[in-house]
């Protein structure tokens, strides 16, 4: 293990490490990420994710397994010509044992997907070959080689996913290497080594890939790490240090069991901590993470590095004070580098400094000598949870006129009859004028949102410029049972501005409505 513990490989004389090592990202959110029990992906949502990853410049997007299910098959039919920057990849497996590749249904479906690149998974752990495939090692090696030969002769570039490769190398190094030899002989251009069970340590990954690099000096290597041991990020980084080029992973770490390596963590870590070039604009990573989360219904963990809503959020009074005075005090990178922002949460732990920070942030002049100062501190502590909108509205109440741009009146309601499309009826007062509108929507919150916007449109046409960038409902720690409080987190954007609205309550529908109402009031007041 000397190479690992002596630190990263040294650059050759006259070379810079950041220039000699780089990462080629390979996204498998639409295939391996779809194995996550929480994932809900339609053809339309898969296409939307593919378009966003393409816009980001993701080098490879694995679209799914054509033939495995109707959604993946239809996706490849509709994705033809969709991508402008990324290479779409179809995924499949080697031919069935005893079946000639040209007669194998799975391989022929791969060809029908019409992608230039295909990824083939094959068994490389001899124990798994005997137990799962119930065949002999030599026949499996022949199947790997012939399957890849068949695809390359049909004009496809083939990446080989060496399933369980590190487990196989640990138990039988000779056979694991022979599996790679077979894929190379078949014409594979990338050997992607898989830590399928997420069982390996970075020391072992590093040393194993060094040996593969030595045996296959002209082959491109890849790493496919699962996170069962919580080591997927560091394993992927050290695989690159050892000689891998391609890093396979998913957005937000989606995947079966504990998930795959999170590309939204490993890529910025590689860039900012190890100087490895990815070729991707890291300022988009937070937006990508939350966009994909909205599509596949797997939320970005609040405490996720770089992209989580808490990644650069400061709650305690002492920390908020320190962060205000020194931007590097509690943040390891500038949040703008990953498209995130520094924020301060007012709470029972917050103090006078937090109120001053809050006032400065929203453009209010506030002195500790102001009679309202003490009341503001007390109210901030009582409310405990505040988003940007709640902060601004609190300051507006104490330090400004307190007059709000509109009021939602009693009688507003959402009818959500089982089996029928929800319909909202909203009455608002703007100055002394009353407006009422109805709307149906995709769920009760969506119906309320549409009706509210319609009611406000005559007076505030700019209301239609507001987009809901994220809408998340969580159960705060310590809450349980049917009477529990929920927290609704909404991130909104308009005209280049982004802000949050966070409300807690026991009625999830009403709490969501309040979060939207306060979010819209914030934007309108900022424009008045």
Protein backbone atom coordinates (compact mmCIF):
# COMPACT_ATOMS: atom_id res chain seq x y z
CA UNK A 1 0.00 0.00 0.00
CA UNK A 2 3.02 2.27 -0.10
CA UNK A 3 1.86 4.08 -3.23
CA UNK A 4 -1.42 5.06 -1.60
CA UNK A 5 -0.07 6.26 1.70
CA UNK A 6 2.78 8.16 0.07
CA UNK A 7 0.16 10.41 -1.49
CA UNK A 8 -0.99 10.95 -5.06
CA UNK A 9 1.22 10.09 -8.01
CA UNK A 10 3.77 12.74 -8.89
CA UNK A 11 3.58 14.55 -12.19
CA UNK A 12 6.39 13.99 -14.63
CA UNK A 13 9.10 16.64 -14.66
CA UNK A 14 7.85 19.85 -16.20
CA UNK A 15 4.19 18.82 -16.00
CA UNK A 16 1.41 20.08 -13.78
CA UNK A 17 -0.70 17.42 -12.06
CA UNK A 18 -3.95 19.19 -12.93
CA UNK A 19 -2.96 19.08 -16.60
CA UNK A 20 -1.95 15.41 -16.65
CA UNK A 21 -4.94 13.93 -14.82
CA UNK A 22 -8.55 14.47 -15.76
CA UNK A 23 -11.95 12.82 -15.48
CA UNK A 24 -14.40 11.85 -18.19
CA UNK A 25 -17.79 11.68 -16.50
CA UNK A 26 -20.28 8.99 -17.44
CA UNK A 27 -23.81 9.40 -16.11
CA UNK A 28 -25.96 6.35 -15.42
CA UNK A 29 -28.86 8.06 -13.62
CA UNK A 30 -31.31 6.87 -16.27
CA UNK A 31 -30.25 3.23 -15.94
CA UNK A 32 -28.49 2.37 -12.67
CA UNK A 33 -30.13 5.32 -10.91
CA UNK A 34 -33.52 4.00 -12.00
CA UNK A 35 -32.85 0.93 -9.83
CA UNK A 36 -33.38 3.14 -6.78
CA UNK A 37 -36.67 2.07 -5.11
CA UNK A 38 -37.63 5.75 -4.84
CA UNK A 39 -37.16 6.51 -8.54
CA UNK A 40 -40.20 7.36 -10.63
CA UNK A 41 -39.19 7.87 -14.24
CA UNK A 42 -41.46 8.13 -17.26
CA UNK A 43 -40.21 8.48 -20.82
CA UNK A 44 -40.86 12.23 -20.67
CA UNK A 45 -38.92 12.63 -17.43
CA UNK A 46 -36.00 10.59 -18.77
CA UNK A 47 -35.91 12.80 -21.86
CA UNK A 48 -35.98 15.92 -19.67
CA UNK A 49 -33.05 14.66 -17.58
CA UNK A 50 -31.10 13.73 -20.71
CA UNK A 51 -31.64 17.23 -22.15
CA UNK A 52 -30.44 18.88 -18.92
CA UNK A 53 -27.34 16.69 -18.71
CA UNK A 54 -26.65 17.39 -22.38
CA UNK A 55 -26.92 21.13 -21.73
CA UNK A 56 -24.39 20.69 -18.92
CA UNK A 57 -22.05 18.92 -21.31
CA UNK A 58 -22.02 15.47 -19.70
CA UNK A 59 -19.71 13.42 -21.97
CA UNK A 60 -21.70 10.16 -21.76
CA UNK A 61 -25.33 9.59 -20.80
CA UNK A 62 -26.38 5.98 -20.33
CA UNK A 63 -30.03 6.09 -21.31
CA UNK A 64 -31.15 2.71 -20.08
CA UNK A 65 -31.43 -0.92 -21.10
CA UNK A 66 -33.39 -1.17 -24.36
CA UNK A 67 -35.59 -4.24 -24.38
CA UNK A 68 -35.57 -4.60 -20.61
CA UNK A 69 -38.79 -2.59 -20.25
CA UNK A 70 -41.18 -0.54 -22.35
CA UNK A 71 -40.03 2.82 -20.95
CA UNK A 72 -36.37 2.29 -21.84
CA UNK A 73 -37.20 0.94 -25.28
CA UNK A 74 -39.42 3.92 -26.07
CA UNK A 75 -36.86 6.34 -24.63
CA UNK A 76 -34.25 5.29 -27.18
CA UNK A 77 -36.78 5.64 -29.98
CA UNK A 78 -37.57 9.22 -28.95
CA UNK A 79 -34.03 10.22 -27.99
CA UNK A 80 -32.59 9.86 -31.48
CA UNK A 81 -31.02 13.17 -32.45
CA UNK A 82 -31.95 14.71 -29.09
CA UNK A 83 -28.45 15.38 -27.72
CA UNK A 84 -26.20 18.15 -28.98
CA UNK A 85 -23.14 17.74 -26.74
CA UNK A 86 -23.36 14.34 -25.05
CA UNK A 87 -22.95 10.82 -26.36
CA UNK A 88 -26.01 8.65 -25.71
CA UNK A 89 -25.12 5.13 -24.56
CA UNK A 90 -27.28 2.02 -24.62
CA UNK A 91 -26.68 -0.59 -21.93
CA UNK A 92 -26.93 -4.37 -22.16
CA UNK A 93 -25.29 -7.61 -21.18
CA UNK A 94 -23.16 -10.21 -22.89
CA UNK A 95 -24.92 -12.90 -24.89
CA UNK A 96 -26.58 -15.68 -22.99
CA UNK A 97 -24.30 -18.63 -22.35
CA UNK A 98 -24.52 -21.08 -25.25
CA UNK A 99 -26.20 -18.59 -27.61
CA UNK A 100 -24.30 -17.13 -30.56
CA UNK A 101 -24.13 -13.32 -30.30
CA UNK A 102 -25.79 -12.84 -33.68
CA UNK A 103 -28.74 -14.88 -32.39
CA UNK A 104 -28.94 -13.21 -28.99
CA UNK A 105 -32.11 -11.12 -28.64
CA UNK A 106 -30.57 -8.67 -26.15
CA UNK A 107 -27.57 -7.82 -28.32
CA UNK A 108 -29.77 -7.33 -31.38
CA UNK A 109 -32.05 -4.97 -29.48
CA UNK A 110 -28.94 -2.99 -28.53
CA UNK A 111 -28.14 -2.56 -32.20
CA UNK A 112 -31.68 -1.35 -32.88
CA UNK A 113 -31.19 1.45 -30.37
CA UNK A 114 -28.87 3.02 -32.98
CA UNK A 115 -26.42 4.50 -30.45
CA UNK A 116 -22.80 4.81 -31.50
CA UNK A 117 -21.64 3.62 -28.08
CA UNK A 118 -22.91 0.63 -26.13
CA UNK A 119 -21.89 -0.57 -22.68
CA UNK A 120 -21.87 -4.30 -22.07
CA UNK A 121 -21.79 -5.79 -18.57
CA UNK A 122 -20.10 -9.12 -18.05
CA UNK A 123 -19.20 -11.36 -15.14
CA UNK A 124 -15.58 -11.18 -13.96
CA UNK A 125 -15.79 -12.78 -10.50
CA UNK A 126 -15.28 -16.51 -11.00
CA UNK A 127 -17.39 -17.38 -7.95
CA UNK A 128 -20.27 -15.39 -9.44
CA UNK A 129 -19.75 -16.96 -12.86
CA UNK A 130 -20.19 -20.43 -11.38
CA UNK A 131 -23.03 -19.59 -9.00
CA UNK A 132 -25.07 -17.06 -11.00
CA UNK A 133 -24.41 -18.11 -14.61
CA UNK A 134 -23.92 -21.76 -13.64
CA UNK A 135 -21.22 -22.15 -16.22
CA UNK A 136 -17.47 -22.58 -16.44
CA UNK A 137 -14.99 -19.74 -16.40
CA UNK A 138 -13.58 -20.35 -19.87
CA UNK A 139 -17.00 -20.34 -21.54
CA UNK A 140 -17.80 -17.02 -19.85
CA UNK A 141 -14.55 -15.51 -21.17
CA UNK A 142 -15.38 -16.68 -24.68
CA UNK A 143 -18.86 -15.16 -24.38
CA UNK A 144 -17.43 -11.81 -23.30
CA UNK A 145 -15.01 -11.68 -26.24
CA UNK A 146 -17.48 -12.87 -28.87
CA UNK A 147 -20.26 -10.54 -27.68
CA UNK A 148 -18.00 -7.51 -27.96
CA UNK A 149 -16.61 -8.68 -31.30
CA UNK A 150 -20.15 -8.94 -32.66
CA UNK A 151 -21.01 -5.40 -31.63
CA UNK A 152 -17.76 -3.87 -32.87
CA UNK A 153 -18.18 -5.57 -36.25
CA UNK A 154 -21.58 -3.90 -36.42
CA UNK A 155 -19.85 -0.54 -36.05
CA UNK A 156 -20.40 0.11 -32.36
CA UNK A 157 -17.86 1.41 -29.87
CA UNK A 158 -18.05 -0.86 -26.82
CA UNK A 159 -17.37 -0.07 -23.17
CA UNK A 160 -17.03 -3.12 -20.94
CA UNK A 161 -18.52 -2.94 -17.44
CA UNK A 162 -16.55 -5.54 -15.50
CA UNK A 163 -19.15 -6.52 -12.90
CA UNK A 164 -17.79 -7.48 -9.45
CA UNK A 165 -14.31 -6.96 -10.84
CA UNK A 166 -12.67 -5.93 -7.55
CA UNK A 167 -14.30 -8.83 -5.68
CA UNK A 168 -13.08 -11.13 -8.41
CA UNK A 169 -9.57 -9.65 -8.34
CA UNK A 170 -9.42 -10.11 -4.57
CA UNK A 171 -10.37 -13.78 -4.82
CA UNK A 172 -8.82 -14.81 -8.12
CA UNK A 173 -6.63 -12.10 -9.70
CA UNK A 174 -5.72 -14.25 -12.69
CA UNK A 175 -9.31 -14.80 -13.79
CA UNK A 176 -10.28 -11.15 -13.22
CA UNK A 177 -7.42 -10.09 -15.49
CA UNK A 178 -8.34 -12.72 -18.08
CA UNK A 179 -11.85 -11.26 -18.25
CA UNK A 180 -10.33 -7.89 -19.11
CA UNK A 181 -8.08 -9.54 -21.68
CA UNK A 182 -11.14 -11.12 -23.29
CA UNK A 183 -12.95 -7.77 -23.52
CA UNK A 184 -9.87 -6.11 -24.96
CA UNK A 185 -9.49 -8.89 -27.51
CA UNK A 186 -13.12 -8.37 -28.49
CA UNK A 187 -12.45 -4.71 -29.21
CA UNK A 188 -13.66 -2.86 -26.12
CA UNK A 189 -12.28 0.67 -25.83
CA UNK A 190 -12.96 1.22 -22.11
CA UNK A 191 -12.57 -1.25 -19.24
CA UNK A 192 -14.87 0.01 -16.47
CA UNK A 193 -13.99 -1.75 -13.23
CA UNK A 194 -17.00 -2.17 -10.94
CA UNK A 195 -17.11 -2.20 -7.15
CA UNK A 196 -20.56 -3.71 -7.49
CA UNK A 197 -21.12 -4.41 -3.80
CA UNK A 198 -19.47 -1.19 -2.61
CA UNK A 199 -17.24 -3.33 -0.43
CA UNK A 200 -13.75 -2.09 -1.28
CA UNK A 201 -11.42 0.37 0.39
CA UNK A 202 -9.57 3.15 -1.45
CA UNK A 203 -6.23 1.48 -0.69
CA UNK A 204 -7.33 -1.71 -2.44
CA UNK A 205 -8.93 0.16 -5.35
CA UNK A 206 -5.75 2.17 -5.87
CA UNK A 207 -3.40 -0.80 -5.86
CA UNK A 208 -5.66 -2.95 -8.04
CA UNK A 209 -6.01 -0.28 -10.73
CA UNK A 210 -2.26 0.36 -10.70
CA UNK A 211 -1.81 -3.30 -11.63
CA UNK A 212 -4.45 -3.08 -14.36
CA UNK A 213 -2.81 0.09 -15.68
CA UNK A 214 0.51 -1.74 -15.85
CA UNK A 215 -0.98 -4.71 -17.69
CA UNK A 216 -3.10 -2.62 -20.06
CA UNK A 217 -1.04 0.55 -20.59
CA UNK A 218 -2.89 1.57 -23.76
CA UNK A 219 -6.45 0.91 -22.59
CA UNK A 220 -8.81 3.50 -21.11
CA UNK A 221 -9.95 2.48 -17.65
CA UNK A 222 -13.07 3.45 -15.76
CA UNK A 223 -14.43 3.15 -12.23
CA UNK A 224 -18.00 2.26 -11.29
CA UNK A 225 -18.35 2.62 -7.52
CA UNK A 226 -21.29 1.85 -5.28
CA UNK A 227 -21.63 3.49 -1.88
CA UNK A 228 -22.44 0.59 0.45
CA UNK A 229 -19.42 1.40 2.63
CA UNK A 230 -19.73 5.17 2.27
CA UNK A 231 -16.49 5.22 0.25
CA UNK A 232 -17.74 5.72 -3.30
CA UNK A 233 -16.40 9.28 -3.65
CA UNK A 234 -12.91 8.65 -2.35
CA UNK A 235 -12.74 5.30 -4.18
CA UNK A 236 -13.58 7.05 -7.45
CA UNK A 237 -11.05 9.83 -6.90
CA UNK A 238 -8.26 7.42 -6.05
CA UNK A 239 -9.17 5.22 -8.99
CA UNK A 240 -8.45 8.24 -11.19
CA UNK A 241 -5.21 8.85 -9.30
CA UNK A 242 -4.23 5.26 -10.06
CA UNK A 243 -4.92 5.58 -13.77
CA UNK A 244 -8.68 5.44 -14.44
CA UNK A 245 -10.11 8.07 -16.78
CA UNK A 246 -13.85 7.43 -16.87
CA UNK A 247 -15.93 7.90 -13.70
CA UNK A 248 -19.40 6.36 -13.82
CA UNK A 249 -22.01 7.59 -11.37
CA UNK A 250 -25.44 9.10 -10.90
CA UNK A 251 -26.87 12.50 -10.05
CA UNK A 252 -27.52 12.72 -6.29
CA UNK A 253 -26.16 9.19 -5.80
CA UNK A 254 -29.36 7.48 -6.91
CA UNK A 255 -29.14 3.72 -7.24
CA UNK A 256 -29.97 0.39 -5.70
CA UNK A 257 -29.31 -0.19 -1.99
CA UNK A 258 -27.21 2.77 -0.79
CA UNK A 259 -26.73 4.11 -4.29
CA UNK A 260 -23.93 4.86 -6.74
CA UNK A 261 -21.24 7.48 -6.40
CA UNK A 262 -22.85 10.92 -6.51
CA UNK A 263 -21.49 12.78 -9.52
CA UNK A 264 -22.60 16.04 -7.91
CA UNK A 265 -20.16 15.35 -5.07
CA UNK A 266 -17.30 13.46 -6.69
CA UNK A 267 -16.88 15.87 -9.62
CA UNK A 268 -16.54 19.10 -7.60
CA UNK A 269 -14.41 17.26 -5.04
CA UNK A 270 -12.13 16.08 -7.84
CA UNK A 271 -11.86 19.61 -9.24
CA UNK A 272 -11.53 21.67 -6.07
CA UNK A 273 -9.69 19.25 -3.80
CA UNK A 274 -7.52 17.26 -6.19
CA UNK A 275 -7.10 19.55 -9.18
CA UNK A 276 -8.61 17.00 -11.58
CA UNK A 277 -10.22 18.57 -14.64
CA UNK A 278 -13.73 17.44 -15.53
CA UNK A 279 -14.51 19.78 -18.43
CA UNK A 280 -17.87 20.57 -16.82
CA UNK A 281 -19.07 23.92 -15.49
CA UNK A 282 -19.31 23.30 -11.75
CA UNK A 283 -21.45 26.41 -11.33
CA UNK A 284 -24.29 24.34 -12.81
CA UNK A 285 -23.97 21.39 -10.45
CA UNK A 286 -26.51 22.56 -7.85
CA UNK A 287 -29.09 23.36 -10.52
CA UNK A 288 -28.51 19.97 -12.16
CA UNK A 289 -28.89 18.17 -8.83
CA UNK A 290 -32.21 19.81 -8.02
CA UNK A 291 -33.53 19.53 -11.58
CA UNK A 292 -32.95 15.77 -11.62
CA UNK A 293 -34.44 15.46 -8.13
CA UNK A 294 -37.67 17.02 -9.35
CA UNK A 295 -37.82 14.60 -12.25
CA UNK A 296 -37.06 11.30 -10.53
CA UNK A 297 -38.65 12.23 -7.18
CA UNK A 298 -35.47 11.51 -5.22
CA UNK A 299 -34.79 14.67 -3.18
CA UNK A 300 -31.34 16.16 -2.78
CA UNK A 301 -30.41 15.48 0.86
CA UNK A 302 -30.45 18.78 2.74
CA UNK A 303 -26.96 18.10 4.07
CA UNK A 304 -25.51 16.95 0.75
CA UNK A 305 -22.06 18.44 0.11
CA UNK A 306 -22.06 21.30 -2.40
CA UNK A 307 -25.69 21.00 -3.56
CA UNK A 308 -27.80 20.56 -0.41
CA UNK A 309 -29.84 23.45 0.93
CA UNK A 310 -27.83 23.23 4.15
CA UNK A 311 -24.42 22.94 2.48
CA UNK A 312 -23.66 26.63 3.07
CA UNK A 313 -26.38 27.49 5.58
CA UNK A 314 -25.53 28.80 9.04
CA UNK A 315 -27.90 28.63 11.97
CA UNK A 316 -26.07 29.09 15.27
CA UNK A 317 -25.46 32.69 16.33
CA UNK A 318 -21.74 32.23 16.98
CA UNK A 319 -21.15 30.56 13.61
CA UNK A 320 -23.24 33.09 11.75
CA UNK A 321 -21.25 35.89 13.35
CA UNK A 322 -17.95 34.24 12.46
CA UNK A 323 -19.04 33.53 8.90
CA UNK A 324 -20.16 37.12 8.42
CA UNK A 325 -16.73 38.39 9.47
CA UNK A 326 -14.69 35.77 7.61
CA UNK A 327 -16.11 34.18 4.46
CA UNK A 328 -13.78 31.18 4.89
CA UNK A 329 -14.59 30.57 8.55
CA UNK A 330 -17.10 27.73 8.06
CA UNK A 331 -17.15 27.18 4.29
CA UNK A 332 -14.60 25.00 2.55
CA UNK A 333 -15.25 26.47 -0.92
CA UNK A 334 -16.94 29.55 -2.30
CA UNK A 335 -20.57 28.39 -2.77
CA UNK A 336 -20.88 30.36 -6.01
CA UNK A 337 -18.36 27.95 -7.56
CA UNK A 338 -21.00 25.22 -7.37
CA UNK A 339 -24.03 27.42 -8.03
CA UNK A 340 -25.10 27.53 -4.38
CA UNK A 341 -25.34 30.45 -1.96
CA UNK A 342 -24.48 31.31 1.62
CA UNK A 343 -27.55 31.68 3.79
CA UNK A 344 -28.31 32.29 7.44
CA UNK A 345 -31.19 30.65 9.25
CA UNK A 346 -32.72 32.56 12.13
CA UNK A 347 -33.63 30.39 15.11
CA UNK A 348 -33.72 30.08 18.84
CA UNK A 349 -29.93 29.81 18.73
CA UNK A 350 -29.58 33.01 16.74
CA UNK A 351 -28.66 36.26 18.40
CA UNK A 352 -28.34 39.94 17.71
CA UNK A 353 -25.70 39.33 15.05
CA UNK A 354 -28.13 37.16 13.08
CA UNK A 355 -30.69 39.96 13.03
CA UNK A 356 -28.07 42.40 11.78
CA UNK A 357 -27.03 39.92 9.07
CA UNK A 358 -30.66 39.43 8.09
CA UNK A 359 -31.28 43.19 7.81
CA UNK A 360 -28.13 43.79 5.77
CA UNK A 361 -28.95 40.88 3.48
CA UNK A 362 -32.35 42.34 2.59
CA UNK A 363 -31.27 45.98 2.36
CA UNK A 364 -32.77 47.33 5.59
CA UNK A 365 -30.93 49.82 7.77
CA UNK A 366 -31.01 48.63 11.37
CA UNK A 367 -29.18 49.84 14.45
CA UNK A 368 -29.14 48.07 17.79
CA UNK A 369 -30.46 51.35 19.20
CA UNK A 370 -33.62 50.98 17.16
CA UNK A 371 -36.59 50.31 19.49
CA UNK A 372 -37.69 47.51 17.16
CA UNK A 373 -34.37 45.68 17.46
CA UNK A 374 -35.12 43.73 20.64
CA UNK A 375 -38.60 42.78 19.42
CA UNK A 376 -37.10 41.54 16.15
CA UNK A 377 -34.63 39.32 18.01
CA UNK A 378 -37.44 37.86 20.12
CA UNK A 379 -39.70 37.26 17.13
CA UNK A 380 -36.88 35.68 15.16
CA UNK A 381 -36.25 33.20 17.97
CA UNK A 382 -39.95 32.43 18.32
CA UNK A 383 -40.42 31.64 14.63
CA UNK A 384 -37.36 29.30 14.56
CA UNK A 385 -37.55 28.53 10.82
CA UNK A 386 -37.40 31.27 8.21
CA UNK A 387 -36.67 31.35 4.51
CA UNK A 388 -35.73 34.42 2.52
CA UNK A 389 -39.38 35.39 2.13
CA UNK A 390 -40.13 35.01 5.84
CA UNK A 391 -37.06 37.05 6.78
CA UNK A 392 -38.00 39.87 4.44
CA UNK A 393 -41.65 39.95 5.48
CA UNK A 394 -40.65 40.06 9.16
CA UNK A 395 -38.31 42.99 8.54
CA UNK A 396 -40.96 44.67 6.39
CA UNK A 397 -43.44 44.39 9.27
CA UNK A 398 -41.12 45.91 11.86
CA UNK A 399 -39.04 48.37 9.83
CA UNK A 400 -41.25 49.42 6.94
CA UNK A 401 -44.91 50.12 6.30
CA UNK A 402 -45.97 46.55 6.87
CA UNK A 403 -48.47 46.90 4.04
CA UNK A 404 -48.51 43.77 1.87
CA UNK A 405 -49.21 43.65 -1.88
CA UNK A 406 -52.25 41.36 -1.51
CA UNK A 407 -54.25 39.29 0.92
CA UNK A 408 -55.75 35.85 0.33
CA UNK A 409 -59.27 35.97 1.74
CA UNK A 410 -61.36 33.47 3.65
CA UNK A 411 -63.39 31.26 1.39
CA UNK A 412 -60.43 30.33 -0.78
CA UNK A 413 -60.37 26.57 -1.02
CA UNK A 414 -59.19 23.51 -2.93
CA UNK A 415 -61.63 20.75 -3.82
CA UNK A 416 -59.74 17.47 -4.09
CA UNK A 417 -62.31 14.73 -4.61
CA UNK A 418 -60.87 11.24 -4.94
CA UNK A 419 -60.59 10.29 -8.57
CA UNK A 420 -61.21 13.83 -9.87
CA UNK A 421 -58.79 16.57 -10.90
CA UNK A 422 -58.24 19.01 -7.98
CA UNK A 423 -59.84 22.44 -8.43
CA UNK A 424 -58.87 25.59 -6.53
CA UNK A 425 -60.95 28.70 -5.91
CA UNK A 426 -58.94 31.72 -4.73
CA UNK A 427 -60.17 35.14 -3.59
CA UNK A 428 -57.63 37.93 -3.15
CA UNK A 429 -57.78 41.58 -2.17
CA UNK A 430 -55.36 43.97 -3.87
CA UNK A 431 -55.72 47.40 -2.29
CA UNK A 432 -59.52 47.60 -2.16
CA UNK A 433 -60.17 45.51 -5.26
CA UNK A 434 -61.38 41.92 -5.03
CA UNK A 435 -60.39 39.25 -7.51
CA UNK A 436 -61.47 35.62 -7.63
CA UNK A 437 -60.36 32.86 -9.95
CA UNK A 438 -60.61 29.08 -10.37
CA UNK A 439 -58.06 26.64 -11.75
CA UNK A 440 -57.49 22.91 -11.97
CA UNK A 441 -54.06 21.42 -11.58
CA UNK A 442 -51.82 18.42 -11.25
CA UNK A 443 -52.45 18.05 -7.53
CA UNK A 444 -54.01 20.43 -5.00
CA UNK A 445 -50.93 22.65 -4.55
CA UNK A 446 -50.53 23.10 -8.29
CA UNK A 447 -54.23 23.97 -8.60
CA UNK A 448 -53.92 26.57 -5.81
CA UNK A 449 -50.78 28.03 -7.38
CA UNK A 450 -52.44 28.44 -10.79
CA UNK A 451 -55.59 29.99 -9.32
CA UNK A 452 -53.55 32.39 -7.17
CA UNK A 453 -51.52 33.56 -10.15
CA UNK A 454 -54.66 34.07 -12.24
CA UNK A 455 -56.21 36.15 -9.45
CA UNK A 456 -53.13 38.37 -9.18
CA UNK A 457 -52.40 38.66 -12.90
CA UNK A 458 -54.42 41.81 -13.63
CA UNK A 459 -52.64 43.88 -10.99
CA UNK A 460 -49.29 42.13 -11.07
CA UNK A 461 -48.58 40.71 -14.57
CA UNK A 462 -45.02 39.95 -13.47
CA UNK A 463 -46.40 37.16 -11.28
CA UNK A 464 -46.26 34.86 -14.30
CA UNK A 465 -42.48 35.29 -14.44
CA UNK A 466 -42.07 33.47 -11.12
CA UNK A 467 -41.04 29.83 -11.43
CA UNK A 468 -41.05 27.23 -8.67
CA UNK A 469 -37.56 25.76 -8.84
CA UNK A 470 -38.02 23.31 -5.97
CA UNK A 471 -40.92 22.25 -3.75
CA UNK A 472 -40.09 19.81 -0.96
CA UNK A 473 -42.11 18.59 2.01
CA UNK A 474 -40.19 17.07 4.92
CA UNK A 475 -40.93 15.85 8.44
CA UNK A 476 -38.72 17.80 10.84
CA UNK A 477 -36.65 15.79 13.29
CA UNK A 478 -38.65 14.80 16.37
CA UNK A 479 -42.02 15.00 14.62
CA UNK A 480 -44.16 11.87 14.25
CA UNK A 481 -47.77 10.79 14.05
CA UNK A 482 -50.71 12.20 12.15
CA UNK A 483 -50.56 15.49 14.08
CA UNK A 484 -46.90 16.10 13.22
CA UNK A 485 -45.71 19.37 11.77
CA UNK A 486 -44.37 19.28 8.24
CA UNK A 487 -41.91 21.71 6.73
CA UNK A 488 -42.54 22.99 3.22
CA UNK A 489 -39.44 24.28 1.45
CA UNK A 490 -39.98 26.22 -1.79
CA UNK A 491 -37.25 27.71 -3.95
CA UNK A 492 -38.51 30.28 -6.46
CA UNK A 493 -36.84 32.25 -9.21
CA UNK A 494 -37.63 35.19 -11.47
CA UNK A 495 -35.62 37.74 -13.44
CA UNK A 496 -32.31 36.23 -12.37
CA UNK A 497 -33.20 36.29 -8.67
CA UNK A 498 -33.61 33.14 -6.55
CA UNK A 499 -35.17 33.00 -3.10
CA UNK A 500 -36.64 30.54 -0.61
CA UNK A 501 -39.88 30.34 1.32
CA UNK A 502 -40.00 27.94 4.29
CA UNK A 503 -43.09 27.35 6.43
CA UNK A 504 -44.03 24.80 9.08
CA UNK A 505 -47.50 23.64 10.02
CA UNK A 506 -49.68 20.63 10.80
CA UNK A 507 -51.89 21.08 7.72
CA UNK A 508 -49.70 20.16 4.76
CA UNK A 509 -51.98 21.77 2.15
CA UNK A 510 -52.37 25.04 4.08
CA UNK A 511 -48.65 25.11 4.89
CA UNK A 512 -47.80 24.73 1.21
CA UNK A 513 -50.24 27.47 0.28
CA UNK A 514 -48.70 29.81 2.89
CA UNK A 515 -45.22 29.09 1.55
CA UNK A 516 -46.31 30.08 -1.96
CA UNK A 517 -48.24 33.16 -0.79
CA UNK A 518 -45.28 34.47 1.22
CA UNK A 519 -42.86 33.64 -1.58
CA UNK A 520 -44.90 35.70 -4.03
CA UNK A 521 -45.33 38.60 -1.59
CA UNK A 522 -41.54 38.73 -1.19
CA UNK A 523 -40.97 39.14 -4.92
CA UNK A 524 -43.68 41.73 -5.40
CA UNK A 525 -42.55 43.82 -2.42
CA UNK A 526 -38.95 43.80 -3.67
CA UNK A 527 -40.20 45.29 -6.94
CA UNK A 528 -42.42 47.99 -5.45
